[in-house]
Amino acid sequence: MFSEKHPLLIESIFRLRKWVKENLPIENSLIAYDLILLLSIHNYANGHVTVKQIFASLPHSSTAVRSHYQRFIDDGWIEHYLDPQDKRIKYVRPTGKFIDLINSYIETIEEIYIVKDRKNM
């Protein structure tokens, strides 16, 4: 028998999946979703990540990652910049458009999953 919490959690998962489908540029691909999450983590953790690190960090084929990665560049979600000391190193950073979208994503997660009023706890 299911716990009383299960229907509410499952409903919340559906709500978040609907938002993701309607707002994130993933085209129903977990590869693109993983790429977005990885870029977000690196952006907030240390502010920069190399192209090489991106491709090495994802558990998908480089061909599959490359197609989504290139689409993100072409659509203005991410951009490259060179290391000031070593021009052979190419970094990736999210654009303002990407950051705004991820901030909306986080707000949506908070609205769906996090209890705003914890007085009853």
Protein backbone atom coordinates (compact mmCIF):
# COMPACT_ATOMS: atom_id res chain seq x y z
CA MET A 1 0.00 0.00 0.00
CA PHE A 2 1.27 3.48 -0.88
CA SER A 3 2.06 6.09 1.71
CA GLU A 4 -0.21 9.13 1.83
CA LYS A 5 2.72 11.20 0.51
CA HIS A 6 3.12 9.22 -2.71
CA PRO A 7 0.27 10.76 -4.73
CA LEU A 8 1.41 14.28 -3.83
CA LEU A 9 5.03 13.56 -4.74
CA ILE A 10 4.08 11.91 -8.01
CA GLU A 11 1.82 14.83 -8.88
CA SER A 12 4.72 17.18 -8.11
CA ILE A 13 7.02 15.21 -10.40
CA PHE A 14 4.46 15.48 -13.21
CA ARG A 15 4.16 19.23 -12.65
CA LEU A 16 7.93 19.67 -12.83
CA ARG A 17 8.25 17.45 -15.92
CA LYS A 18 5.55 19.51 -17.64
CA TRP A 19 7.41 22.72 -16.82
CA VAL A 20 10.70 21.25 -18.06
CA LYS A 21 9.11 20.09 -21.32
CA GLU A 22 7.55 23.50 -21.92
CA ASN A 23 10.54 25.64 -20.92
CA LEU A 24 13.94 23.93 -21.08
CA PRO A 25 15.52 23.45 -24.52
CA ILE A 26 15.93 19.70 -24.08
CA GLU A 27 13.79 18.38 -26.95
CA ASN A 28 12.79 15.38 -24.79
CA SER A 29 16.43 14.33 -24.45
CA LEU A 30 18.04 13.27 -21.20
CA ILE A 31 21.39 14.07 -22.80
CA ALA A 32 20.40 17.71 -23.25
CA TYR A 33 18.92 17.75 -19.74
CA ASP A 34 22.16 16.36 -18.28
CA LEU A 35 24.13 18.96 -20.22
CA ILE A 36 21.99 21.77 -18.81
CA LEU A 37 22.37 20.45 -15.27
CA LEU A 38 26.14 20.01 -15.63
CA LEU A 39 26.57 23.53 -17.02
CA SER A 40 24.47 24.90 -14.17
CA ILE A 41 26.47 23.06 -11.53
CA HIS A 42 29.79 24.29 -12.92
CA ASN A 43 28.52 27.83 -13.29
CA TYR A 44 27.42 28.05 -9.66
CA ALA A 45 30.30 26.01 -8.22
CA ASN A 46 33.39 27.54 -9.75
CA GLY A 47 32.33 29.81 -12.57
CA HIS A 48 34.11 28.07 -15.41
CA VAL A 49 34.42 24.74 -17.17
CA THR A 50 36.35 23.72 -20.26
CA VAL A 51 34.79 22.17 -23.32
CA LYS A 52 36.92 19.09 -22.66
CA GLN A 53 35.60 18.80 -19.09
CA ILE A 54 32.01 18.97 -20.32
CA PHE A 55 32.46 16.12 -22.76
CA ALA A 56 34.42 14.02 -20.26
CA SER A 57 31.84 14.54 -17.48
CA LEU A 58 28.76 13.24 -19.24
CA PRO A 59 28.03 9.49 -19.49
CA HIS A 60 26.84 9.75 -23.09
CA SER A 61 28.54 9.38 -26.44
CA SER A 62 30.51 12.41 -27.55
CA THR A 63 28.51 12.48 -30.80
CA ALA A 64 25.20 12.73 -28.93
CA VAL A 65 26.53 15.37 -26.52
CA ARG A 66 28.09 17.33 -29.40
CA SER A 67 24.79 17.69 -31.26
CA HIS A 68 23.02 19.19 -28.23
CA TYR A 69 26.07 21.23 -27.27
CA GLN A 70 26.25 22.76 -30.74
CA ARG A 71 22.51 23.50 -30.69
CA PHE A 72 22.95 25.31 -27.35
CA ILE A 73 25.69 27.44 -28.90
CA ASP A 74 23.70 28.12 -32.07
CA ASP A 75 20.59 29.06 -30.07
CA GLY A 76 22.47 31.40 -27.73
CA TRP A 77 22.25 29.35 -24.53
CA ILE A 78 26.01 29.01 -24.04
CA GLU A 79 29.14 30.68 -25.37
CA HIS A 80 32.89 30.08 -25.52
CA TYR A 81 35.71 32.20 -24.19
CA LEU A 82 39.47 31.66 -24.19
CA ASP A 83 41.74 31.43 -21.19
CA PRO A 84 43.61 34.77 -20.96
CA GLN A 85 46.95 33.05 -20.23
CA ASP A 86 46.63 30.02 -22.52
CA LYS A 87 44.68 30.53 -25.74
CA ARG A 88 44.56 26.76 -26.31
CA ILE A 89 42.07 26.38 -23.46
CA LYS A 90 38.44 27.07 -24.38
CA TYR A 91 35.90 27.61 -21.62
CA VAL A 92 32.12 27.42 -21.77
CA ARG A 93 29.78 29.72 -19.95
CA PRO A 94 26.03 30.11 -19.91
CA THR A 95 24.58 33.25 -21.40
CA GLY A 96 22.20 35.54 -19.53
CA LYS A 97 19.36 33.80 -21.33
CA PHE A 98 20.49 30.45 -19.88
CA ILE A 99 20.97 31.85 -16.38
CA ASP A 100 17.50 33.45 -16.40
CA LEU A 101 15.97 30.14 -17.43
CA ILE A 102 17.81 28.17 -14.76
CA ASN A 103 16.75 30.70 -12.13
CA SER A 104 13.14 30.17 -13.26
CA TYR A 105 13.68 26.42 -13.08
CA ILE A 106 14.94 26.68 -9.50
CA GLU A 107 12.01 28.91 -8.54
CA THR A 108 9.62 26.35 -10.02
CA ILE A 109 11.26 23.52 -8.08
CA GLU A 110 10.96 25.55 -4.90
CA GLU A 111 7.29 26.30 -5.59
CA ILE A 112 6.52 22.66 -6.25
CA TYR A 113 8.61 20.88 -3.62
CA ILE A 114 9.61 23.20 -0.82
CA VAL A 115 7.16 24.13 1.88
CA LYS A 116 7.20 27.93 2.21
CA ASP A 117 5.49 28.07 5.59
CA ARG A 118 7.11 25.73 8.11
CA LYS A 119 5.27 26.99 11.18
CA ASN A 120 3.55 23.64 11.64
CA MET A 121 6.82 21.71 11.82
